[in-house]
Structures are given as structure tokens and as C-alpha cells.
Amino acid sequence: MSLHVVLYEPEIPANTGNIGRTCLATDTKLHLIHPLGFSTDDKAVRRAGLDYWKDVDMEEHLTIFDLYDKYPNGKFYYIENFGSKHYTDFDFSNTEEDLFFVFGKESTGIPKDLLIGKEDQCLRIHMNDKVRSLNLSNTAAIIVYEVMRQQGFPKLT
């Protein structure tokens, strides 16, 4: 089983850099779905990822459908503030499937038409109604570390 973070058309380079650093620290693969709102050579990405950016296990895909085609046996979850289930409702501890957590672009999230038929795989994070959403890099870290916690933090010290 492998853990994957998917950023659907990310717009803010610092978020992507921070998420890349989290992915490197947790042996998680990062996937970027085009179009990107920046170049991965952007100094803001490198600054947020520090000198680790070159070591991040990352793939870029022209569309999310290219990602689905490359990983047909992956289990995909979509993190959205309108998800009907919380990420803590799921048991990620005993799975053989590769787990993919898809995060939408900062301004608009994941297009709802991509989620038709996937409503049971839409997850949300607990929060009150005073904010619309959490920062993307914080949200990704919460999800990744919860999955790793449930699995006993494999390969981490």
C-alpha cells in the first residue's frame, strides 16, 4: 500500500511546496494535476519546500483522468468541505490498496461534476462554521498524518 496526495490544479506555490515537504517527510507520493497556477521551478515552491523540493516523489498529470488511467486499482478519496463523512469515520489501517487523497484548487475546490457518483468518497475535516475551509497544506497534513497514525506510522521514526 502506498499513500498519495493529489493536488487538483493547485494555484498557490507556497501551499504546494509545504505539501511537498510533508510528502517527503512521510514517504507519500505527490501528484499535481494541470493546469498549475505556477511553475514547479517557481522560487516560492522551492522556498516552501526548502532544499528538499528536488527529493519529493512527484508526478505531474495533464488531467485527473490520466491519473485514474495510470492507477486503476487505487482507492480515491476527495477532501471537500461539503463531504458528508468525516475523515475520522474511515479505517485506513488494513488496506492493501494504494490510497489517493485528492484536494481541490484553493479558490474553487474540486469541480462538483468530477464528484458525481463518488459522494461516498468525499471526506471533510471537523470544523465550526466560522470559516469556509482550512489552508490546503494544513488540510493535507491532517489527512496524511491521520492515515499514518492509523497504520502505526510505518517507516517513520
N, C-alpha and C. Protein backbone atom coordinates (compact mmCIF):
# COMPACT_ATOMS: atom_id res chain seq x y z
N MET A 1 0.84 -1.17 0.00
CA MET A 1 0.00 0.00 0.00
C MET A 1 0.89 1.24 0.00
N SER A 2 0.52 2.19 -0.82
CA SER A 2 1.22 3.47 -0.85
C SER A 2 0.22 4.59 -0.61
N LEU A 3 0.72 5.66 -0.06
CA LEU A 3 -0.10 6.83 0.21
C LEU A 3 0.23 7.90 -0.83
N HIS A 4 -0.81 8.56 -1.35
CA HIS A 4 -0.65 9.56 -2.40
C HIS A 4 -1.48 10.80 -2.06
N VAL A 5 -0.91 11.97 -2.27
CA VAL A 5 -1.62 13.24 -2.19
C VAL A 5 -1.73 13.78 -3.60
N VAL A 6 -2.95 14.15 -3.98
CA VAL A 6 -3.23 14.66 -5.33
C VAL A 6 -3.71 16.10 -5.18
N LEU A 7 -3.02 17.02 -5.84
CA LEU A 7 -3.46 18.42 -5.86
C LEU A 7 -4.06 18.71 -7.23
N TYR A 8 -5.36 18.95 -7.24
CA TYR A 8 -6.07 19.23 -8.47
C TYR A 8 -5.94 20.71 -8.81
N GLU A 9 -5.18 21.00 -9.82
CA GLU A 9 -4.98 22.36 -10.32
C GLU A 9 -4.61 23.36 -9.22
N PRO A 10 -3.54 23.07 -8.47
CA PRO A 10 -3.15 23.98 -7.39
C PRO A 10 -2.77 25.36 -7.92
N GLU A 11 -3.05 26.38 -7.11
CA GLU A 11 -2.83 27.77 -7.54
C GLU A 11 -1.73 28.49 -6.76
N ILE A 12 -1.47 28.08 -5.54
CA ILE A 12 -0.56 28.82 -4.67
C ILE A 12 0.72 28.02 -4.47
N PRO A 13 1.84 28.52 -4.98
CA PRO A 13 3.08 27.74 -4.92
C PRO A 13 3.53 27.40 -3.50
N ALA A 14 3.32 28.30 -2.55
CA ALA A 14 3.77 28.02 -1.19
C ALA A 14 3.01 26.84 -0.59
N ASN A 15 1.72 26.71 -0.88
CA ASN A 15 0.96 25.55 -0.40
C ASN A 15 1.54 24.26 -0.97
N THR A 16 1.81 24.27 -2.27
CA THR A 16 2.35 23.08 -2.91
C THR A 16 3.72 22.73 -2.35
N GLY A 17 4.55 23.73 -2.12
CA GLY A 17 5.87 23.49 -1.52
C GLY A 17 5.76 22.89 -0.12
N ASN A 18 4.85 23.43 0.69
CA ASN A 18 4.66 22.90 2.04
C ASN A 18 4.13 21.46 1.99
N ILE A 19 3.20 21.19 1.10
CA ILE A 19 2.66 19.84 0.96
C ILE A 19 3.75 18.89 0.47
N GLY A 20 4.59 19.36 -0.44
CA GLY A 20 5.71 18.55 -0.91
C GLY A 20 6.63 18.16 0.24
N ARG A 21 6.88 19.09 1.14
CA ARG A 21 7.74 18.78 2.28
C ARG A 21 7.08 17.75 3.19
N THR A 22 5.77 17.87 3.42
CA THR A 22 5.05 16.87 4.21
C THR A 22 5.12 15.51 3.52
N CYS A 23 4.94 15.49 2.21
CA CYS A 23 5.01 14.23 1.47
C CYS A 23 6.39 13.59 1.61
N LEU A 24 7.43 14.38 1.50
CA LEU A 24 8.78 13.83 1.63
C LEU A 24 9.00 13.28 3.04
N ALA A 25 8.52 13.99 4.05
CA ALA A 25 8.71 13.56 5.44
C ALA A 25 7.95 12.29 5.77
N THR A 26 6.92 11.97 4.99
CA THR A 26 6.07 10.82 5.30
C THR A 26 6.11 9.73 4.24
N ASP A 27 7.03 9.85 3.29
CA ASP A 27 7.16 8.88 2.20
C ASP A 27 5.86 8.75 1.42
N THR A 28 5.25 9.90 1.14
CA THR A 28 3.99 9.98 0.41
C THR A 28 4.28 10.54 -0.97
N LYS A 29 3.65 9.98 -1.99
CA LYS A 29 3.85 10.47 -3.36
C LYS A 29 2.92 11.66 -3.60
N LEU A 30 3.44 12.69 -4.25
CA LEU A 30 2.68 13.88 -4.59
C LEU A 30 2.36 13.87 -6.08
N HIS A 31 1.10 14.14 -6.40
CA HIS A 31 0.64 14.22 -7.79
C HIS A 31 0.07 15.62 -8.02
N LEU A 32 0.50 16.26 -9.10
CA LEU A 32 -0.01 17.57 -9.47
C LEU A 32 -0.80 17.44 -10.77
N ILE A 33 -2.05 17.89 -10.73
CA ILE A 33 -2.93 17.84 -11.90
C ILE A 33 -2.94 19.21 -12.56
N HIS A 34 -2.64 19.25 -13.84
CA HIS A 34 -2.59 20.51 -14.60
C HIS A 34 -3.98 20.99 -14.96
N PRO A 35 -4.12 22.30 -15.22
CA PRO A 35 -3.06 23.31 -15.22
C PRO A 35 -2.69 23.75 -13.80
N LEU A 36 -1.43 24.09 -13.63
CA LEU A 36 -0.93 24.62 -12.37
C LEU A 36 -0.98 26.14 -12.43
N GLY A 37 -1.15 26.76 -11.30
CA GLY A 37 -1.17 28.21 -11.24
C GLY A 37 0.22 28.81 -11.11
N PHE A 38 1.25 28.01 -11.34
CA PHE A 38 2.64 28.42 -11.17
C PHE A 38 3.52 27.38 -11.85
N SER A 39 4.79 27.67 -11.94
CA SER A 39 5.77 26.70 -12.44
C SER A 39 6.38 25.98 -11.24
N THR A 40 6.65 24.70 -11.38
CA THR A 40 7.29 23.98 -10.28
C THR A 40 8.73 24.45 -10.07
N ASP A 41 9.23 25.27 -10.97
CA ASP A 41 10.54 25.90 -10.78
C ASP A 41 10.42 27.21 -10.02
N ASP A 42 9.19 27.62 -9.73
CA ASP A 42 8.92 28.88 -9.03
C ASP A 42 9.67 28.91 -7.70
N LYS A 43 10.32 30.04 -7.41
CA LYS A 43 11.11 30.11 -6.17
C LYS A 43 10.23 30.01 -4.93
N ALA A 44 8.95 30.38 -5.02
CA ALA A 44 8.05 30.24 -3.87
C ALA A 44 7.82 28.77 -3.53
N VAL A 45 7.72 27.91 -4.54
CA VAL A 45 7.59 26.47 -4.30
C VAL A 45 8.86 25.95 -3.64
N ARG A 46 9.99 26.31 -4.20
CA ARG A 46 11.26 25.84 -3.65
C ARG A 46 11.48 26.38 -2.24
N ARG A 47 11.10 27.63 -2.00
CA ARG A 47 11.28 28.22 -0.68
C ARG A 47 10.44 27.46 0.35
N ALA A 48 9.18 27.18 0.03
CA ALA A 48 8.30 26.46 0.96
C ALA A 48 8.77 25.03 1.14
N GLY A 49 9.28 24.42 0.08
CA GLY A 49 9.79 23.06 0.16
C GLY A 49 11.22 22.99 0.64
N LEU A 50 11.80 24.17 0.90
CA LEU A 50 13.19 24.30 1.30
C LEU A 50 14.10 23.59 0.31
N ASP A 51 15.18 23.09 0.77
CA ASP A 51 16.11 22.43 -0.14
C ASP A 51 15.70 20.98 -0.40
N TYR A 52 14.51 20.58 0.07
CA TYR A 52 14.02 19.22 -0.11
C TYR A 52 13.26 19.03 -1.42
N TRP A 53 12.87 20.11 -2.06
CA TRP A 53 11.96 20.01 -3.21
C TRP A 53 12.45 19.01 -4.26
N LYS A 54 13.74 18.99 -4.51
CA LYS A 54 14.29 18.09 -5.53
C LYS A 54 14.14 16.62 -5.16
N ASP A 55 13.90 16.32 -3.87
CA ASP A 55 13.79 14.94 -3.40
C ASP A 55 12.35 14.44 -3.29
N VAL A 56 11.38 15.33 -3.53
CA VAL A 56 9.97 14.94 -3.41
C VAL A 56 9.63 13.96 -4.54
N ASP A 57 8.97 12.86 -4.18
CA ASP A 57 8.50 11.87 -5.16
C ASP A 57 7.21 12.45 -5.76
N MET A 58 7.33 12.98 -6.97
CA MET A 58 6.23 13.74 -7.56
C MET A 58 6.00 13.33 -9.00
N GLU A 59 4.73 13.32 -9.39
CA GLU A 59 4.35 13.12 -10.77
C GLU A 59 3.39 14.25 -11.16
N GLU A 60 3.49 14.68 -12.40
CA GLU A 60 2.55 15.65 -12.94
C GLU A 60 1.69 14.94 -13.99
N HIS A 61 0.40 15.30 -14.01
CA HIS A 61 -0.57 14.69 -14.93
C HIS A 61 -1.31 15.81 -15.64
N LEU A 62 -1.56 15.63 -16.92
CA LEU A 62 -2.29 16.64 -17.68
C LEU A 62 -3.73 16.76 -17.22
N THR A 63 -4.35 15.62 -16.86
CA THR A 63 -5.73 15.63 -16.37
C THR A 63 -5.85 14.62 -15.24
N ILE A 64 -6.91 14.73 -14.49
CA ILE A 64 -7.15 13.75 -13.43
C ILE A 64 -7.46 12.39 -14.02
N PHE A 65 -8.00 12.38 -15.25
CA PHE A 65 -8.30 11.10 -15.90
C PHE A 65 -7.03 10.36 -16.27
N ASP A 66 -5.96 11.09 -16.57
CA ASP A 66 -4.66 10.46 -16.79
C ASP A 66 -4.18 9.76 -15.51
N LEU A 67 -4.41 10.40 -14.38
CA LEU A 67 -4.05 9.79 -13.09
C LEU A 67 -4.87 8.52 -12.86
N TYR A 68 -6.18 8.59 -13.09
CA TYR A 68 -7.04 7.41 -12.92
C TYR A 68 -6.56 6.27 -13.83
N ASP A 69 -6.20 6.59 -15.06
CA ASP A 69 -5.75 5.57 -16.00
C ASP A 69 -4.44 4.92 -15.54
N LYS A 70 -3.55 5.71 -14.96
CA LYS A 70 -2.26 5.18 -14.52
C LYS A 70 -2.38 4.32 -13.26
N TYR A 71 -3.39 4.62 -12.43
CA TYR A 71 -3.57 3.90 -11.16
C TYR A 71 -5.00 3.35 -11.08
N PRO A 72 -5.35 2.40 -11.94
CA PRO A 72 -6.73 1.92 -11.99
C PRO A 72 -7.18 1.17 -10.73
N ASN A 73 -6.26 0.70 -9.93
CA ASN A 73 -6.62 -0.03 -8.72
C ASN A 73 -6.54 0.81 -7.46
N GLY A 74 -6.28 2.12 -7.62
CA GLY A 74 -6.18 2.99 -6.46
C GLY A 74 -7.54 3.27 -5.85
N LYS A 75 -7.54 3.53 -4.57
CA LYS A 75 -8.76 3.93 -3.85
C LYS A 75 -8.68 5.45 -3.68
N PHE A 76 -9.62 6.17 -4.27
CA PHE A 76 -9.58 7.63 -4.27
C PHE A 76 -10.58 8.20 -3.27
N TYR A 77 -10.11 9.19 -2.51
CA TYR A 77 -10.94 9.95 -1.59
C TYR A 77 -10.78 11.42 -1.96
N TYR A 78 -11.85 12.17 -1.80
CA TYR A 78 -11.88 13.57 -2.20
C TYR A 78 -12.16 14.41 -0.96
N ILE A 79 -11.26 15.34 -0.67
CA ILE A 79 -11.38 16.15 0.53
C ILE A 79 -12.07 17.46 0.15
N GLU A 80 -13.27 17.63 0.68
CA GLU A 80 -14.08 18.81 0.36
C GLU A 80 -14.86 19.22 1.59
N ASN A 81 -15.13 20.51 1.73
CA ASN A 81 -15.86 20.99 2.90
C ASN A 81 -17.34 20.60 2.87
N PHE A 82 -17.83 20.07 1.75
CA PHE A 82 -19.22 19.63 1.69
C PHE A 82 -19.35 18.11 1.76
N GLY A 83 -18.24 17.41 2.00
CA GLY A 83 -18.30 15.96 2.14
C GLY A 83 -19.27 15.57 3.24
N SER A 84 -19.95 14.46 3.08
CA SER A 84 -20.95 14.03 4.06
C SER A 84 -20.35 13.20 5.18
N LYS A 85 -19.12 12.74 5.01
CA LYS A 85 -18.45 11.92 6.02
C LYS A 85 -17.16 12.60 6.45
N HIS A 86 -16.77 12.36 7.69
CA HIS A 86 -15.51 12.90 8.18
C HIS A 86 -14.38 11.90 7.92
N TYR A 87 -13.19 12.41 7.76
CA TYR A 87 -12.04 11.56 7.51
C TYR A 87 -11.82 10.58 8.65
N THR A 88 -12.27 10.92 9.85
CA THR A 88 -12.11 10.05 11.01
C THR A 88 -13.12 8.90 11.02
N ASP A 89 -14.08 8.92 10.10
CA ASP A 89 -15.07 7.84 10.00
C ASP A 89 -14.52 6.62 9.28
N PHE A 90 -13.34 6.73 8.70
CA PHE A 90 -12.79 5.66 7.88
C PHE A 90 -11.65 4.95 8.59
N ASP A 91 -11.55 3.65 8.32
CA ASP A 91 -10.45 2.85 8.83
C ASP A 91 -9.47 2.65 7.67
N PHE A 92 -8.34 3.30 7.75
CA PHE A 92 -7.31 3.20 6.72
C PHE A 92 -6.18 2.24 7.13
N SER A 93 -6.39 1.53 8.22
CA SER A 93 -5.28 0.76 8.80
C SER A 93 -5.00 -0.56 8.10
N ASN A 94 -5.99 -1.19 7.54
CA ASN A 94 -5.79 -2.53 6.98
C ASN A 94 -6.17 -2.58 5.52
N THR A 95 -5.49 -1.84 4.72
CA THR A 95 -5.80 -1.84 3.30
C THR A 95 -4.58 -2.21 2.49
N GLU A 96 -4.81 -2.93 1.44
CA GLU A 96 -3.73 -3.27 0.51
C GLU A 96 -3.72 -2.31 -0.68
N GLU A 97 -4.78 -1.53 -0.81
CA GLU A 97 -4.92 -0.62 -1.95
C GLU A 97 -4.05 0.61 -1.76
N ASP A 98 -3.59 1.18 -2.88
CA ASP A 98 -2.97 2.49 -2.81
C ASP A 98 -4.06 3.50 -2.49
N LEU A 99 -3.79 4.39 -1.55
CA LEU A 99 -4.76 5.39 -1.13
C LEU A 99 -4.39 6.74 -1.73
N PHE A 100 -5.34 7.35 -2.40
CA PHE A 100 -5.17 8.66 -3.03
C PHE A 100 -6.13 9.65 -2.38
N PHE A 101 -5.60 10.76 -1.91
CA PHE A 101 -6.41 11.81 -1.31
C PHE A 101 -6.31 13.03 -2.22
N VAL A 102 -7.44 13.39 -2.80
CA VAL A 102 -7.50 14.45 -3.81
C VAL A 102 -7.97 15.74 -3.14
N PHE A 103 -7.20 16.80 -3.34
CA PHE A 103 -7.50 18.13 -2.79
C PHE A 103 -7.71 19.08 -3.97
N GLY A 104 -8.75 19.90 -3.89
CA GLY A 104 -9.05 20.82 -4.98
C GLY A 104 -8.24 22.09 -4.94
N LYS A 105 -8.40 22.87 -6.00
CA LYS A 105 -7.68 24.14 -6.07
C LYS A 105 -8.16 25.07 -4.97
N GLU A 106 -7.28 25.95 -4.55
CA GLU A 106 -7.55 26.79 -3.40
C GLU A 106 -8.79 27.67 -3.57
N SER A 107 -9.05 28.17 -4.76
CA SER A 107 -10.15 29.12 -4.94
C SER A 107 -11.52 28.46 -5.10
N THR A 108 -11.57 27.29 -5.72
CA THR A 108 -12.88 26.70 -6.03
C THR A 108 -13.04 25.25 -5.64
N GLY A 109 -12.00 24.60 -5.15
CA GLY A 109 -12.10 23.20 -4.77
C GLY A 109 -12.10 22.27 -5.97
N ILE A 110 -12.69 21.11 -5.77
CA ILE A 110 -12.81 20.10 -6.82
C ILE A 110 -14.12 20.35 -7.56
N PRO A 111 -14.11 20.39 -8.88
CA PRO A 111 -15.37 20.59 -9.60
C PRO A 111 -16.39 19.52 -9.23
N LYS A 112 -17.61 19.95 -8.93
CA LYS A 112 -18.65 19.01 -8.49
C LYS A 112 -18.95 17.95 -9.54
N ASP A 113 -18.78 18.27 -10.82
CA ASP A 113 -19.08 17.26 -11.84
C ASP A 113 -18.08 16.09 -11.79
N LEU A 114 -16.88 16.32 -11.25
CA LEU A 114 -15.92 15.22 -11.08
C LEU A 114 -16.30 14.31 -9.93
N LEU A 115 -17.20 14.77 -9.07
CA LEU A 115 -17.55 14.01 -7.86
C LEU A 115 -18.85 13.24 -7.99
N ILE A 116 -19.52 13.38 -9.12
CA ILE A 116 -20.78 12.66 -9.32
C ILE A 116 -20.51 11.16 -9.27
N GLY A 117 -21.26 10.47 -8.43
CA GLY A 117 -21.08 9.04 -8.24
C GLY A 117 -19.99 8.68 -7.25
N LYS A 118 -19.31 9.69 -6.72
CA LYS A 118 -18.21 9.46 -5.76
C LYS A 118 -18.55 10.07 -4.40
N GLU A 119 -19.81 10.37 -4.17
CA GLU A 119 -20.21 11.07 -2.94
C GLU A 119 -19.77 10.34 -1.67
N ASP A 120 -19.77 9.01 -1.70
CA ASP A 120 -19.35 8.24 -0.52
C ASP A 120 -17.85 8.32 -0.26
N GLN A 121 -17.11 8.86 -1.21
CA GLN A 121 -15.67 9.00 -1.06
C GLN A 121 -15.27 10.46 -0.78
N CYS A 122 -16.26 11.32 -0.56
CA CYS A 122 -15.98 12.73 -0.24
C CYS A 122 -15.89 12.87 1.28
N LEU A 123 -14.74 13.32 1.74
CA LEU A 123 -14.47 13.43 3.17
C LEU A 123 -14.30 14.89 3.55
N ARG A 124 -14.62 15.17 4.78
CA ARG A 124 -14.43 16.52 5.31
C ARG A 124 -13.68 16.45 6.62
N ILE A 125 -13.16 17.60 7.02
CA ILE A 125 -12.46 17.74 8.30
C ILE A 125 -13.40 18.47 9.26
N HIS A 126 -13.40 18.05 10.51
CA HIS A 126 -14.23 18.69 11.53
C HIS A 126 -13.81 20.15 11.70
N MET A 127 -14.79 21.05 11.66
CA MET A 127 -14.54 22.47 11.97
C MET A 127 -15.87 23.16 12.18
N ASN A 128 -15.82 24.32 12.80
CA ASN A 128 -17.06 25.07 13.03
C ASN A 128 -17.43 25.85 11.77
N ASP A 129 -18.48 26.63 11.85
CA ASP A 129 -18.97 27.36 10.68
C ASP A 129 -18.40 28.77 10.56
N LYS A 130 -17.35 29.08 11.31
CA LYS A 130 -16.77 30.43 11.26
C LYS A 130 -15.81 30.62 10.10
N VAL A 131 -15.37 29.52 9.49
CA VAL A 131 -14.50 29.59 8.32
C VAL A 131 -15.05 28.68 7.22
N ARG A 132 -14.74 29.01 6.00
CA ARG A 132 -15.18 28.22 4.85
C ARG A 132 -14.36 26.95 4.71
N SER A 133 -13.04 27.08 4.98
CA SER A 133 -12.15 25.93 4.84
C SER A 133 -10.84 26.24 5.55
N LEU A 134 -10.04 25.20 5.72
CA LEU A 134 -8.70 25.36 6.27
C LEU A 134 -7.71 25.56 5.14
N ASN A 135 -6.53 26.00 5.48
CA ASN A 135 -5.45 26.13 4.49
C ASN A 135 -5.16 24.76 3.88
N LEU A 136 -4.91 24.74 2.58
CA LEU A 136 -4.69 23.49 1.86
C LEU A 136 -3.55 22.66 2.44
N SER A 137 -2.43 23.28 2.74
CA SER A 137 -1.30 22.50 3.24
C SER A 137 -1.60 21.95 4.64
N ASN A 138 -2.33 22.70 5.47
CA ASN A 138 -2.73 22.18 6.78
C ASN A 138 -3.67 20.98 6.62
N THR A 139 -4.61 21.10 5.71
CA THR A 139 -5.58 20.04 5.49
C THR A 139 -4.88 18.76 5.01
N ALA A 140 -3.97 18.90 4.08
CA ALA A 140 -3.24 17.72 3.58
C ALA A 140 -2.46 17.06 4.71
N ALA A 141 -1.82 17.85 5.56
CA ALA A 141 -1.05 17.29 6.67
C ALA A 141 -1.96 16.55 7.65
N ILE A 142 -3.11 17.10 7.94
CA ILE A 142 -4.06 16.44 8.85
C ILE A 142 -4.42 15.06 8.31
N ILE A 143 -4.77 14.99 7.04
CA ILE A 143 -5.19 13.72 6.43
C ILE A 143 -4.03 12.73 6.40
N VAL A 144 -2.88 13.15 5.91
CA VAL A 144 -1.74 12.24 5.80
C VAL A 144 -1.36 11.67 7.17
N TYR A 145 -1.28 12.52 8.17
CA TYR A 145 -0.86 12.04 9.48
C TYR A 145 -1.92 11.18 10.15
N GLU A 146 -3.20 11.40 9.87
CA GLU A 146 -4.23 10.51 10.42
C GLU A 146 -4.12 9.12 9.79
N VAL A 147 -3.93 9.05 8.49
CA VAL A 147 -3.76 7.75 7.84
C VAL A 147 -2.54 7.04 8.39
N MET A 148 -1.45 7.77 8.53
CA MET A 148 -0.22 7.16 9.05
C MET A 148 -0.38 6.74 10.51
N ARG A 149 -1.10 7.54 11.30
CA ARG A 149 -1.35 7.17 12.70
C ARG A 149 -2.11 5.85 12.77
N GLN A 150 -3.16 5.74 11.93
CA GLN A 150 -3.95 4.50 11.93
C GLN A 150 -3.11 3.30 11.53
N GLN A 151 -2.09 3.52 10.73
CA GLN A 151 -1.24 2.43 10.25
C GLN A 151 -0.02 2.21 11.15
N GLY A 152 0.07 2.95 12.23
CA GLY A 152 1.19 2.79 13.16
C GLY A 152 2.46 3.47 12.71
N PHE A 153 2.35 4.49 11.89
CA PHE A 153 3.49 5.26 11.38
C PHE A 153 4.56 4.36 10.79
N PRO A 154 4.19 3.59 9.75
CA PRO A 154 5.19 2.69 9.15
C PRO A 154 6.34 3.49 8.54
N LYS A 155 7.53 2.99 8.71
CA LYS A 155 8.77 3.56 8.15
C LYS A 155 9.13 4.93 8.72
N LEU A 156 8.43 5.38 9.76
CA LEU A 156 8.76 6.68 10.36
C LEU A 156 9.32 6.47 11.76
N THR A 157 10.20 7.37 12.15
CA THR A 157 10.78 7.26 13.49
C THR A 157 10.15 8.27 14.42
